[in-house]
């Protein structure tokens, strides 16, 4: 089980790198316009809000993008390009790790020193 979670975490990290290319961040724009990589921005999805963001995680199975926004996580439907929900109840959070194989996700509640298992 531990090896399976490590493998999933590695896939998520790789997915995070790919997602950053499509979020419209300055890093993504400079990488997309560099030309050498062959990547380009296909879609920009405005999510609004005044908060910054931390970790961005893509659940390719559910086609949802999870964005850590301080005390909540925004959930974006990447196909529709819309914000479809917020996961609240955190004192502070960096992001969410979806584990589709288990039908769960895990999120850290930073300042409270705890973690959540979400279904």
PDB file of N, CA and C in Angstrom:
ATOM      1  N   UNK A   1       0.830  -1.185   0.000  1.00  0.00           N
ATOM      2  CA  UNK A   1       0.000   0.000   0.000  1.00  0.00           C
ATOM      3  C   UNK A   1       0.877   1.253   0.000  1.00  0.00           C
ATOM      4  N   UNK A   2       1.969   1.233   0.824  1.00  0.00           N
ATOM      5  CA  UNK A   2       2.864   2.382   0.903  1.00  0.00           C
ATOM      6  C   UNK A   2       3.500   2.652  -0.465  1.00  0.00           C
ATOM      7  N   UNK A   3       3.951   1.604  -1.159  1.00  0.00           N
ATOM      8  CA  UNK A   3       4.562   1.766  -2.473  1.00  0.00           C
ATOM      9  C   UNK A   3       3.555   2.324  -3.470  1.00  0.00           C
ATOM     10  N   UNK A   4       2.319   1.918  -3.337  1.00  0.00           N
ATOM     11  CA  UNK A   4       1.266   2.407  -4.237  1.00  0.00           C
ATOM     12  C   UNK A   4       1.031   3.903  -4.032  1.00  0.00           C
ATOM     13  N   UNK A   5       1.029   4.347  -2.787  1.00  0.00           N
ATOM     14  CA  UNK A   5       0.838   5.768  -2.496  1.00  0.00           C
ATOM     15  C   UNK A   5       2.025   6.575  -3.007  1.00  0.00           C
ATOM     16  N   UNK A   6       3.245   6.049  -2.847  1.00  0.00           N
ATOM     17  CA  UNK A   6       4.441   6.726  -3.361  1.00  0.00           C
ATOM     18  C   UNK A   6       4.351   6.854  -4.880  1.00  0.00           C
ATOM     19  N   UNK A   7       3.939   5.787  -5.573  1.00  0.00           N
ATOM     20  CA  UNK A   7       3.819   5.829  -7.034  1.00  0.00           C
ATOM     21  C   UNK A   7       2.772   6.848  -7.455  1.00  0.00           C
ATOM     22  N   UNK A   8       1.680   6.909  -6.729  1.00  0.00           N
ATOM     23  CA  UNK A   8       0.623   7.872  -7.045  1.00  0.00           C
ATOM     24  C   UNK A   8       1.128   9.292  -6.810  1.00  0.00           C
ATOM     25  N   UNK A   9       1.851   9.498  -5.720  1.00  0.00           N
ATOM     26  CA  UNK A   9       2.385  10.828  -5.413  1.00  0.00           C
ATOM     27  C   UNK A   9       3.351  11.281  -6.505  1.00  0.00           C
ATOM     28  N   UNK A  10       4.161  10.368  -7.024  1.00  0.00           N
ATOM     29  CA  UNK A  10       5.082  10.715  -8.112  1.00  0.00           C
ATOM     30  C   UNK A  10       4.314  11.129  -9.365  1.00  0.00           C
ATOM     31  N   UNK A  11       3.237  10.393  -9.672  1.00  0.00           N
ATOM     32  CA  UNK A  11       2.410  10.755 -10.830  1.00  0.00           C
ATOM     33  C   UNK A  11       1.776  12.113 -10.647  1.00  0.00           C
ATOM     34  N   UNK A  12       1.346  12.397  -9.421  1.00  0.00           N
ATOM     35  CA  UNK A  12       0.721  13.693  -9.139  1.00  0.00           C
ATOM     36  C   UNK A  12       1.736  14.817  -9.322  1.00  0.00           C
ATOM     37  N   UNK A  13       2.965  14.620  -8.871  1.00  0.00           N
ATOM     38  CA  UNK A  13       3.996  15.641  -9.040  1.00  0.00           C
ATOM     39  C   UNK A  13       4.250  15.917 -10.521  1.00  0.00           C
ATOM     40  N   UNK A  14       4.311  14.867 -11.326  1.00  0.00           N
ATOM     41  CA  UNK A  14       4.477  15.039 -12.757  1.00  0.00           C
ATOM     42  C   UNK A  14       3.265  15.763 -13.338  1.00  0.00           C
ATOM     43  N   UNK A  15       2.087  15.376 -12.877  1.00  0.00           N
ATOM     44  CA  UNK A  15       0.871  16.042 -13.331  1.00  0.00           C
ATOM     45  C   UNK A  15       0.862  17.502 -12.949  1.00  0.00           C
ATOM     46  N   UNK A  16       1.370  17.822 -11.763  1.00  0.00           N
ATOM     47  CA  UNK A  16       1.435  19.204 -11.310  1.00  0.00           C
ATOM     48  C   UNK A  16       2.309  20.031 -12.250  1.00  0.00           C
ATOM     49  N   UNK A  17       3.428  19.473 -12.651  1.00  0.00           N
ATOM     50  CA  UNK A  17       4.301  20.195 -13.579  1.00  0.00           C
ATOM     51  C   UNK A  17       3.584  20.481 -14.894  1.00  0.00           C
ATOM     52  N   UNK A  18       2.837  19.510 -15.383  1.00  0.00           N
ATOM     53  CA  UNK A  18       2.087  19.702 -16.623  1.00  0.00           C
ATOM     54  C   UNK A  18       0.978  20.721 -16.423  1.00  0.00           C
ATOM     55  N   UNK A  19       0.264  20.625 -15.308  1.00  0.00           N
ATOM     56  CA  UNK A  19      -0.836  21.557 -15.031  1.00  0.00           C
ATOM     57  C   UNK A  19      -0.329  22.984 -14.958  1.00  0.00           C
ATOM     58  N   UNK A  20       0.841  23.195 -14.362  1.00  0.00           N
ATOM     59  CA  UNK A  20       1.385  24.544 -14.275  1.00  0.00           C
ATOM     60  C   UNK A  20       1.561  25.173 -15.653  1.00  0.00           C
ATOM     61  N   UNK A  21       1.799  24.343 -16.645  1.00  0.00           N
ATOM     62  CA  UNK A  21       1.936  24.865 -18.000  1.00  0.00           C
ATOM     63  C   UNK A  21       0.622  25.408 -18.541  1.00  0.00           C
ATOM     64  N   UNK A  22      -0.505  24.976 -17.961  1.00  0.00           N
ATOM     65  CA  UNK A  22      -1.807  25.370 -18.477  1.00  0.00           C
ATOM     66  C   UNK A  22      -2.584  26.285 -17.548  1.00  0.00           C
ATOM     67  N   UNK A  23      -1.967  26.802 -16.493  1.00  0.00           N
ATOM     68  CA  UNK A  23      -2.707  27.632 -15.539  1.00  0.00           C
ATOM     69  C   UNK A  23      -2.601  29.114 -15.839  1.00  0.00           C
ATOM     70  N   UNK A  24      -1.769  29.499 -16.759  1.00  0.00           N
ATOM     71  CA  UNK A  24      -1.640  30.917 -17.071  1.00  0.00           C
ATOM     72  C   UNK A  24      -0.723  31.660 -16.119  1.00  0.00           C
ATOM     73  N   UNK A  25       0.066  30.949 -15.338  1.00  0.00           N
ATOM     74  CA  UNK A  25       0.999  31.615 -14.434  1.00  0.00           C
ATOM     75  C   UNK A  25       2.156  32.192 -15.253  1.00  0.00           C
ATOM     76  N   UNK A  26       2.878  33.196 -14.709  1.00  0.00           N
ATOM     77  CA  UNK A  26       4.019  33.742 -15.438  1.00  0.00           C
ATOM     78  C   UNK A  26       5.026  32.671 -15.829  1.00  0.00           C
ATOM     79  N   UNK A  27       5.220  31.683 -14.947  1.00  0.00           N
ATOM     80  CA  UNK A  27       6.117  30.584 -15.268  1.00  0.00           C
ATOM     81  C   UNK A  27       5.623  29.845 -16.495  1.00  0.00           C
ATOM     82  N   UNK A  28       4.314  29.579 -16.540  1.00  0.00           N
ATOM     83  CA  UNK A  28       3.738  28.858 -17.664  1.00  0.00           C
ATOM     84  C   UNK A  28       3.852  29.665 -18.944  1.00  0.00           C
ATOM     85  N   UNK A  29       3.633  30.968 -18.867  1.00  0.00           N
ATOM     86  CA  UNK A  29       3.679  31.800 -20.061  1.00  0.00           C
ATOM     87  C   UNK A  29       5.087  31.833 -20.625  1.00  0.00           C
ATOM     88  N   UNK A  30       6.093  32.014 -19.772  1.00  0.00           N
ATOM     89  CA  UNK A  30       7.453  32.070 -20.278  1.00  0.00           C
ATOM     90  C   UNK A  30       7.871  30.722 -20.848  1.00  0.00           C
ATOM     91  N   UNK A  31       7.424  29.622 -20.240  1.00  0.00           N
ATOM     92  CA  UNK A  31       7.758  28.305 -20.771  1.00  0.00           C
ATOM     93  C   UNK A  31       7.029  28.056 -22.079  1.00  0.00           C
ATOM     94  N   UNK A  32       5.783  28.522 -22.177  1.00  0.00           N
ATOM     95  CA  UNK A  32       4.998  28.275 -23.377  1.00  0.00           C
ATOM     96  C   UNK A  32       5.502  29.095 -24.548  1.00  0.00           C
ATOM     97  N   UNK A  33       6.012  30.290 -24.294  1.00  0.00           N
ATOM     98  CA  UNK A  33       6.482  31.119 -25.393  1.00  0.00           C
ATOM     99  C   UNK A  33       7.945  30.860 -25.731  1.00  0.00           C
ATOM    100  N   UNK A  34       8.617  30.042 -24.953  1.00  0.00           N
ATOM    101  CA  UNK A  34      10.021  29.761 -25.217  1.00  0.00           C
ATOM    102  C   UNK A  34      10.214  29.062 -26.547  1.00  0.00           C
ATOM    103  N   UNK A  35       9.243  28.250 -26.959  1.00  0.00           N
ATOM    104  CA  UNK A  35       9.290  27.623 -28.267  1.00  0.00           C
ATOM    105  C   UNK A  35      10.072  26.324 -28.318  1.00  0.00           C
ATOM    106  N   UNK A  36      11.113  26.184 -27.546  1.00  0.00           N
ATOM    107  CA  UNK A  36      11.953  24.993 -27.639  1.00  0.00           C
ATOM    108  C   UNK A  36      11.246  23.739 -27.132  1.00  0.00           C
ATOM    109  N   UNK A  37      10.350  23.887 -26.153  1.00  0.00           N
ATOM    110  CA  UNK A  37       9.712  22.715 -25.556  1.00  0.00           C
ATOM    111  C   UNK A  37       8.603  22.144 -26.426  1.00  0.00           C
ATOM    112  N   UNK A  38       7.993  22.986 -27.234  1.00  0.00           N
ATOM    113  CA  UNK A  38       6.871  22.533 -28.050  1.00  0.00           C
ATOM    114  C   UNK A  38       5.531  22.660 -27.342  1.00  0.00           C
ATOM    115  N   UNK A  39       5.523  23.026 -26.045  1.00  0.00           N
ATOM    116  CA  UNK A  39       4.280  23.213 -25.308  1.00  0.00           C
ATOM    117  C   UNK A  39       3.707  24.588 -25.616  1.00  0.00           C
ATOM    118  N   UNK A  40       2.402  24.686 -25.539  1.00  0.00           N
ATOM    119  CA  UNK A  40       1.745  25.979 -25.685  1.00  0.00           C
ATOM    120  C   UNK A  40       0.486  25.994 -24.831  1.00  0.00           C
ATOM    121  N   UNK A  41       0.005  27.174 -24.500  1.00  0.00           N
ATOM    122  CA  UNK A  41      -1.200  27.311 -23.691  1.00  0.00           C
ATOM    123  C   UNK A  41      -2.406  27.041 -24.573  1.00  0.00           C
ATOM    124  N   UNK A  42      -3.238  26.098 -24.165  1.00  0.00           N
ATOM    125  CA  UNK A  42      -4.441  25.746 -24.915  1.00  0.00           C
ATOM    126  C   UNK A  42      -5.663  26.477 -24.403  1.00  0.00           C
ATOM    127  N   UNK A  43      -5.709  26.718 -23.086  1.00  0.00           N
ATOM    128  CA  UNK A  43      -6.889  27.305 -22.467  1.00  0.00           C
ATOM    129  C   UNK A  43      -6.487  28.012 -21.186  1.00  0.00           C
ATOM    130  N   UNK A  44      -7.103  29.150 -20.922  1.00  0.00           N
ATOM    131  CA  UNK A  44      -6.935  29.852 -19.664  1.00  0.00           C
ATOM    132  C   UNK A  44      -8.280  29.861 -18.971  1.00  0.00           C
ATOM    133  N   UNK A  45      -8.300  29.472 -17.704  1.00  0.00           N
ATOM    134  CA  UNK A  45      -9.553  29.408 -16.938  1.00  0.00           C
ATOM    135  C   UNK A  45      -9.455  30.401 -15.783  1.00  0.00           C
ATOM    136  N   UNK A  46     -10.201  31.509 -15.839  1.00  0.00           N
ATOM    137  CA  UNK A  46     -10.184  32.446 -14.713  1.00  0.00           C
ATOM    138  C   UNK A  46     -10.949  31.852 -13.526  1.00  0.00           C
ATOM    139  N   UNK A  47     -10.338  31.890 -12.339  1.00  0.00           N
ATOM    140  CA  UNK A  47     -10.992  31.327 -11.162  1.00  0.00           C
ATOM    141  C   UNK A  47     -11.379  32.398 -10.147  1.00  0.00           C
ATOM    142  N   UNK A  48     -10.972  33.637 -10.371  1.00  0.00           N
ATOM    143  CA  UNK A  48     -11.377  34.731  -9.493  1.00  0.00           C
ATOM    144  C   UNK A  48     -10.792  34.627  -8.107  1.00  0.00           C
ATOM    145  N   UNK A  49     -11.311  35.458  -7.207  1.00  0.00           N
ATOM    146  CA  UNK A  49     -10.843  35.463  -5.836  1.00  0.00           C
ATOM    147  C   UNK A  49      -9.661  36.386  -5.637  1.00  0.00           C
ATOM    148  N   UNK A  50      -9.452  36.793  -4.409  1.00  0.00           N
ATOM    149  CA  UNK A  50      -8.335  37.674  -4.082  1.00  0.00           C
ATOM    150  C   UNK A  50      -7.178  36.912  -3.447  1.00  0.00           C
ATOM    151  N   UNK A  51      -7.408  35.641  -3.143  1.00  0.00           N
ATOM    152  CA  UNK A  51      -6.364  34.842  -2.514  1.00  0.00           C
ATOM    153  C   UNK A  51      -5.317  34.457  -3.557  1.00  0.00           C
ATOM    154  N   UNK A  52      -4.149  34.180  -3.058  1.00  0.00           N
ATOM    155  CA  UNK A  52      -3.141  33.589  -3.926  1.00  0.00           C
ATOM    156  C   UNK A  52      -3.448  32.109  -4.067  1.00  0.00           C
ATOM    157  N   UNK A  53      -2.520  31.351  -4.573  1.00  0.00           N
ATOM    158  CA  UNK A  53      -2.726  29.917  -4.665  1.00  0.00           C
ATOM    159  C   UNK A  53      -1.420  29.222  -4.322  1.00  0.00           C
ATOM    160  N   UNK A  54      -1.559  27.969  -3.950  1.00  0.00           N
ATOM    161  CA  UNK A  54      -0.389  27.180  -3.580  1.00  0.00           C
ATOM    162  C   UNK A  54      -0.296  26.012  -4.552  1.00  0.00           C
ATOM    163  N   UNK A  55      -0.504  24.804  -4.092  1.00  0.00           N
ATOM    164  CA  UNK A  55      -0.381  23.649  -4.968  1.00  0.00           C
ATOM    165  C   UNK A  55      -1.596  23.514  -5.876  1.00  0.00           C
ATOM    166  N   UNK A  56      -1.340  23.136  -7.113  1.00  0.00           N
ATOM    167  CA  UNK A  56      -2.384  22.868  -8.092  1.00  0.00           C
ATOM    168  C   UNK A  56      -2.244  21.405  -8.482  1.00  0.00           C
ATOM    169  N   UNK A  57      -3.332  20.650  -8.363  1.00  0.00           N
ATOM    170  CA  UNK A  57      -3.286  19.214  -8.630  1.00  0.00           C
ATOM    171  C   UNK A  57      -4.396  18.838  -9.588  1.00  0.00           C
ATOM    172  N   UNK A  58      -4.072  18.038 -10.582  1.00  0.00           N
ATOM    173  CA  UNK A  58      -5.040  17.597 -11.575  1.00  0.00           C
ATOM    174  C   UNK A  58      -5.462  16.159 -11.306  1.00  0.00           C
ATOM    175  N   UNK A  59      -6.758  15.919 -11.286  1.00  0.00           N
ATOM    176  CA  UNK A  59      -7.311  14.569 -11.242  1.00  0.00           C
ATOM    177  C   UNK A  59      -7.783  14.268 -12.659  1.00  0.00           C
ATOM    178  N   UNK A  60      -6.962  13.564 -13.418  1.00  0.00           N
ATOM    179  CA  UNK A  60      -7.256  13.296 -14.822  1.00  0.00           C
ATOM    180  C   UNK A  60      -8.477  12.417 -15.011  1.00  0.00           C
ATOM    181  N   UNK A  61      -8.753  11.543 -14.055  1.00  0.00           N
ATOM    182  CA  UNK A  61      -9.908  10.652 -14.155  1.00  0.00           C
ATOM    183  C   UNK A  61     -11.205  11.451 -14.028  1.00  0.00           C
ATOM    184  N   UNK A  62     -11.284  12.295 -13.002  1.00  0.00           N
ATOM    185  CA  UNK A  62     -12.494  13.092 -12.756  1.00  0.00           C
ATOM    186  C   UNK A  62     -12.503  14.385 -13.567  1.00  0.00           C
ATOM    187  N   UNK A  63     -11.373  14.718 -14.205  1.00  0.00           N
ATOM    188  CA  UNK A  63     -11.238  15.950 -14.993  1.00  0.00           C
ATOM    189  C   UNK A  63     -11.451  17.183 -14.120  1.00  0.00           C
ATOM    190  N   UNK A  64     -10.895  17.131 -12.902  1.00  0.00           N
ATOM    191  CA  UNK A  64     -11.001  18.228 -11.953  1.00  0.00           C
ATOM    192  C   UNK A  64      -9.604  18.730 -11.598  1.00  0.00           C
ATOM    193  N   UNK A  65      -9.501  20.046 -11.466  1.00  0.00           N
ATOM    194  CA  UNK A  65      -8.269  20.688 -11.044  1.00  0.00           C
ATOM    195  C   UNK A  65      -8.501  21.222  -9.639  1.00  0.00           C
ATOM    196  N   UNK A  66      -7.633  20.877  -8.692  1.00  0.00           N
ATOM    197  CA  UNK A  66      -7.756  21.304  -7.311  1.00  0.00           C
ATOM    198  C   UNK A  66      -6.689  22.363  -7.039  1.00  0.00           C
ATOM    199  N   UNK A  67      -7.127  23.539  -6.555  1.00  0.00           N
ATOM    200  CA  UNK A  67      -6.219  24.654  -6.327  1.00  0.00           C
ATOM    201  C   UNK A  67      -6.254  25.034  -4.851  1.00  0.00           C
ATOM    202  N   UNK A  68      -5.127  24.859  -4.146  1.00  0.00           N
ATOM    203  CA  UNK A  68      -5.040  25.269  -2.746  1.00  0.00           C
ATOM    204  C   UNK A  68      -5.069  26.783  -2.654  1.00  0.00           C
ATOM    205  N   UNK A  69      -6.026  27.348  -1.886  1.00  0.00           N
ATOM    206  CA  UNK A  69      -6.213  28.807  -1.835  1.00  0.00           C
ATOM    207  C   UNK A  69      -6.196  29.330  -0.410  1.00  0.00           C
ATOM    208  N   UNK A  70      -5.330  28.831   0.443  1.00  0.00           N
ATOM    209  CA  UNK A  70      -5.256  29.338   1.820  1.00  0.00           C
ATOM    210  C   UNK A  70      -6.124  28.530   2.755  1.00  0.00           C
ATOM    211  N   UNK A  71      -7.373  28.973   2.981  1.00  0.00           N
ATOM    212  CA  UNK A  71      -8.246  28.259   3.912  1.00  0.00           C
ATOM    213  C   UNK A  71      -9.276  27.389   3.202  1.00  0.00           C
ATOM    214  N   UNK A  72      -9.141  27.223   1.892  1.00  0.00           N
ATOM    215  CA  UNK A  72     -10.041  26.344   1.137  1.00  0.00           C
ATOM    216  C   UNK A  72      -9.349  25.857  -0.134  1.00  0.00           C
ATOM    217  N   UNK A  73      -9.994  24.932  -0.808  1.00  0.00           N
ATOM    218  CA  UNK A  73      -9.483  24.407  -2.079  1.00  0.00           C
ATOM    219  C   UNK A  73     -10.565  24.629  -3.123  1.00  0.00           C
ATOM    220  N   UNK A  74     -10.210  25.321  -4.224  1.00  0.00           N
ATOM    221  CA  UNK A  74     -11.139  25.494  -5.333  1.00  0.00           C
ATOM    222  C   UNK A  74     -11.119  24.241  -6.194  1.00  0.00           C
ATOM    223  N   UNK A  75     -12.287  23.865  -6.695  1.00  0.00           N
ATOM    224  CA  UNK A  75     -12.416  22.708  -7.583  1.00  0.00           C
ATOM    225  C   UNK A  75     -12.892  23.231  -8.940  1.00  0.00           C
ATOM    226  N   UNK A  76     -12.110  22.956  -9.982  1.00  0.00           N
ATOM    227  CA  UNK A  76     -12.394  23.465 -11.317  1.00  0.00           C
ATOM    228  C   UNK A  76     -12.658  22.300 -12.265  1.00  0.00           C
ATOM    229  N   UNK A  77     -13.746  22.390 -13.021  1.00  0.00           N
ATOM    230  CA  UNK A  77     -14.021  21.440 -14.095  1.00  0.00           C
ATOM    231  C   UNK A  77     -13.223  21.931 -15.295  1.00  0.00           C
ATOM    232  N   UNK A  78     -12.172  21.215 -15.669  1.00  0.00           N
ATOM    233  CA  UNK A  78     -11.288  21.699 -16.727  1.00  0.00           C
ATOM    234  C   UNK A  78     -11.931  21.616 -18.109  1.00  0.00           C
ATOM    235  N   UNK A  79     -12.889  20.713 -18.297  1.00  0.00           N
ATOM    236  CA  UNK A  79     -13.549  20.618 -19.599  1.00  0.00           C
ATOM    237  C   UNK A  79     -14.505  21.783 -19.820  1.00  0.00           C
ATOM    238  N   UNK A  80     -15.283  22.131 -18.794  1.00  0.00           N
ATOM    239  CA  UNK A  80     -16.235  23.243 -18.891  1.00  0.00           C
ATOM    240  C   UNK A  80     -15.546  24.585 -18.654  1.00  0.00           C
ATOM    241  N   UNK A  81     -14.375  24.570 -18.003  1.00  0.00           N
ATOM    242  CA  UNK A  81     -13.666  25.808 -17.704  1.00  0.00           C
ATOM    243  C   UNK A  81     -14.343  26.614 -16.619  1.00  0.00           C
ATOM    244  N   UNK A  82     -14.968  25.929 -15.652  1.00  0.00           N
ATOM    245  CA  UNK A  82     -15.712  26.627 -14.605  1.00  0.00           C
ATOM    246  C   UNK A  82     -15.317  26.135 -13.222  1.00  0.00           C
ATOM    247  N   UNK A  83     -15.471  27.040 -12.254  1.00  0.00           N
ATOM    248  CA  UNK A  83     -15.297  26.695 -10.853  1.00  0.00           C
ATOM    249  C   UNK A  83     -16.557  25.966 -10.418  1.00  0.00           C
ATOM    250  N   UNK A  84     -16.423  24.718  -9.964  1.00  0.00           N
ATOM    251  CA  UNK A  84     -17.604  23.916  -9.622  1.00  0.00           C
ATOM    252  C   UNK A  84     -17.791  23.714  -8.127  1.00  0.00           C
ATOM    253  N   UNK A  85     -16.830  24.143  -7.326  1.00  0.00           N
ATOM    254  CA  UNK A  85     -17.004  23.990  -5.896  1.00  0.00           C
ATOM    255  C   UNK A  85     -15.800  24.439  -5.106  1.00  0.00           C
ATOM    256  N   UNK A  86     -15.988  24.448  -3.794  1.00  0.00           N
ATOM    257  CA  UNK A  86     -14.926  24.777  -2.846  1.00  0.00           C
ATOM    258  C   UNK A  86     -14.961  23.728  -1.743  1.00  0.00           C
ATOM    259  N   UNK A  87     -13.791  23.299  -1.326  1.00  0.00           N
ATOM    260  CA  UNK A  87     -13.680  22.395  -0.182  1.00  0.00           C
ATOM    261  C   UNK A  87     -13.209  23.269   0.971  1.00  0.00           C
ATOM    262  N   UNK A  88     -14.050  23.388   1.995  1.00  0.00           N
ATOM    263  CA  UNK A  88     -13.759  24.296   3.098  1.00  0.00           C
ATOM    264  C   UNK A  88     -13.531  23.514   4.391  1.00  0.00           C
ATOM    265  N   UNK A  89     -13.260  24.244   5.453  1.00  0.00           N
ATOM    266  CA  UNK A  89     -13.073  23.621   6.764  1.00  0.00           C
ATOM    267  C   UNK A  89     -11.627  23.543   7.179  1.00  0.00           C
ATOM    268  N   UNK A  90     -10.744  24.243   6.472  1.00  0.00           N
ATOM    269  CA  UNK A  90      -9.320  24.225   6.781  1.00  0.00           C
ATOM    270  C   UNK A  90      -8.925  25.509   7.497  1.00  0.00           C
ATOM    271  N   UNK A  91      -8.007  25.412   8.444  1.00  0.00           N
ATOM    272  CA  UNK A  91      -7.401  26.607   9.016  1.00  0.00           C
ATOM    273  C   UNK A  91      -6.439  27.191   7.980  1.00  0.00           C
ATOM    274  N   UNK A  92      -5.677  26.323   7.352  1.00  0.00           N
ATOM    275  CA  UNK A  92      -4.806  26.685   6.226  1.00  0.00           C
ATOM    276  C   UNK A  92      -4.478  25.402   5.485  1.00  0.00           C
ATOM    277  N   UNK A  93      -4.403  25.499   4.180  1.00  0.00           N
ATOM    278  CA  UNK A  93      -4.085  24.315   3.386  1.00  0.00           C
ATOM    279  C   UNK A  93      -3.243  24.697   2.187  1.00  0.00           C
ATOM    280  N   UNK A  94      -2.427  23.779   1.750  1.00  0.00           N
ATOM    281  CA  UNK A  94      -1.610  23.989   0.562  1.00  0.00           C
ATOM    282  C   UNK A  94      -2.252  23.382  -0.667  1.00  0.00           C
ATOM    283  N   UNK A  95      -2.987  22.302  -0.503  1.00  0.00           N
ATOM    284  CA  UNK A  95      -3.581  21.662  -1.657  1.00  0.00           C
ATOM    285  C   UNK A  95      -4.137  20.302  -1.319  1.00  0.00           C
ATOM    286  N   UNK A  96      -4.519  19.592  -2.362  1.00  0.00           N
ATOM    287  CA  UNK A  96      -5.185  18.309  -2.212  1.00  0.00           C
ATOM    288  C   UNK A  96      -4.487  17.287  -3.101  1.00  0.00           C
ATOM    289  N   UNK A  97      -4.354  16.085  -2.606  1.00  0.00           N
ATOM    290  CA  UNK A  97      -3.799  14.982  -3.378  1.00  0.00           C
ATOM    291  C   UNK A  97      -4.929  14.008  -3.677  1.00  0.00           C
ATOM    292  N   UNK A  98      -5.453  14.000  -4.905  1.00  0.00           N
ATOM    293  CA  UNK A  98      -6.502  13.034  -5.234  1.00  0.00           C
ATOM    294  C   UNK A  98      -5.897  11.651  -5.450  1.00  0.00           C
ATOM    295  N   UNK A  99      -6.598  10.623  -5.002  1.00  0.00           N
ATOM    296  CA  UNK A  99      -6.172   9.246  -5.216  1.00  0.00           C
ATOM    297  C   UNK A  99      -7.381   8.511  -5.796  1.00  0.00           C
ATOM    298  N   UNK A 100      -7.602   8.649  -7.111  1.00  0.00           N
ATOM    299  CA  UNK A 100      -8.789   8.071  -7.734  1.00  0.00           C
ATOM    300  C   UNK A 100      -8.912   6.565  -7.523  1.00  0.00           C
ATOM    301  N   UNK A 101      -7.784   5.871  -7.454  1.00  0.00           N
ATOM    302  CA  UNK A 101      -7.805   4.422  -7.272  1.00  0.00           C
ATOM    303  C   UNK A 101      -8.465   4.026  -5.955  1.00  0.00           C
ATOM    304  N   UNK A 102      -8.416   4.921  -4.970  1.00  0.00           N
ATOM    305  CA  UNK A 102      -9.013   4.657  -3.669  1.00  0.00           C
ATOM    306  C   UNK A 102     -10.337   5.391  -3.481  1.00  0.00           C
ATOM    307  N   UNK A 103     -10.724   6.209  -4.456  1.00  0.00           N
ATOM    308  CA  UNK A 103     -11.949   6.989  -4.337  1.00  0.00           C
ATOM    309  C   UNK A 103     -11.858   8.041  -3.248  1.00  0.00           C
ATOM    310  N   UNK A 104     -10.645   8.556  -3.002  1.00  0.00           N
ATOM    311  CA  UNK A 104     -10.406   9.514  -1.922  1.00  0.00           C
ATOM    312  C   UNK A 104      -9.447  10.598  -2.371  1.00  0.00           C
ATOM    313  N   UNK A 105      -9.350  11.592  -1.521  1.00  0.00           N
ATOM    314  CA  UNK A 105      -8.332  12.613  -1.655  1.00  0.00           C
ATOM    315  C   UNK A 105      -7.813  12.925  -0.269  1.00  0.00           C
ATOM    316  N   UNK A 106      -6.636  13.499  -0.193  1.00  0.00           N
ATOM    317  CA  UNK A 106      -6.039  13.842   1.091  1.00  0.00           C
ATOM    318  C   UNK A 106      -5.579  15.286   1.053  1.00  0.00           C
ATOM    319  N   UNK A 107      -5.845  16.019   2.132  1.00  0.00           N
ATOM    320  CA  UNK A 107      -5.452  17.417   2.219  1.00  0.00           C
ATOM    321  C   UNK A 107      -4.853  17.689   3.589  1.00  0.00           C
ATOM    322  N   UNK A 108      -3.868  18.575   3.603  1.00  0.00           N
ATOM    323  CA  UNK A 108      -3.208  18.960   4.844  1.00  0.00           C
ATOM    324  C   UNK A 108      -3.913  20.179   5.420  1.00  0.00           C
ATOM    325  N   UNK A 109      -4.112  20.196   6.714  1.00  0.00           N
ATOM    326  CA  UNK A 109      -4.648  21.352   7.423  1.00  0.00           C
ATOM    327  C   UNK A 109      -3.488  21.933   8.215  1.00  0.00           C
ATOM    328  N   UNK A 110      -2.644  22.700   7.507  1.00  0.00           N
ATOM    329  CA  UNK A 110      -1.338  23.129   7.971  1.00  0.00           C
ATOM    330  C   UNK A 110      -1.232  23.665   9.376  1.00  0.00           C
ATOM    331  N   UNK A 111      -1.893  24.782   9.670  1.00  0.00           N
ATOM    332  CA  UNK A 111      -1.697  25.399  10.978  1.00  0.00           C
ATOM    333  C   UNK A 111      -2.314  24.574  12.101  1.00  0.00           C
ATOM    334  N   UNK A 112      -3.257  23.694  11.775  1.00  0.00           N
ATOM    335  CA  UNK A 112      -3.841  22.826  12.789  1.00  0.00           C
ATOM    336  C   UNK A 112      -3.019  21.562  13.001  1.00  0.00           C
ATOM    337  N   UNK A 113      -2.041  21.325  12.116  1.00  0.00           N
ATOM    338  CA  UNK A 113      -1.192  20.156  12.242  1.00  0.00           C
ATOM    339  C   UNK A 113      -1.931  18.855  12.043  1.00  0.00           C
ATOM    340  N   UNK A 114      -2.898  18.847  11.125  1.00  0.00           N
ATOM    341  CA  UNK A 114      -3.668  17.643  10.872  1.00  0.00           C
ATOM    342  C   UNK A 114      -3.857  17.439   9.376  1.00  0.00           C
ATOM    343  N   UNK A 115      -4.438  16.313   9.041  1.00  0.00           N
ATOM    344  CA  UNK A 115      -4.729  16.007   7.634  1.00  0.00           C
ATOM    345  C   UNK A 115      -6.154  15.522   7.533  1.00  0.00           C
ATOM    346  N   UNK A 116      -6.749  15.705   6.356  1.00  0.00           N
ATOM    347  CA  UNK A 116      -8.097  15.267   6.089  1.00  0.00           C
ATOM    348  C   UNK A 116      -8.077  14.170   5.035  1.00  0.00           C
ATOM    349  N   UNK A 117      -8.933  13.211   5.187  1.00  0.00           N
ATOM    350  CA  UNK A 117      -9.202  12.221   4.152  1.00  0.00           C
ATOM    351  C   UNK A 117     -10.571  12.583   3.592  1.00  0.00           C
ATOM    352  N   UNK A 118     -10.634  12.848   2.299  1.00  0.00           N
ATOM    353  CA  UNK A 118     -11.882  13.312   1.668  1.00  0.00           C
ATOM    354  C   UNK A 118     -12.414  12.254   0.733  1.00  0.00           C
ATOM    355  N   UNK A 119     -13.735  12.123   0.675  1.00  0.00           N
ATOM    356  CA  UNK A 119     -14.357  11.179  -0.257  1.00  0.00           C
ATOM    357  C   UNK A 119     -15.286  11.907  -1.184  1.00  0.00           C
TER     358      UNK A 119
END
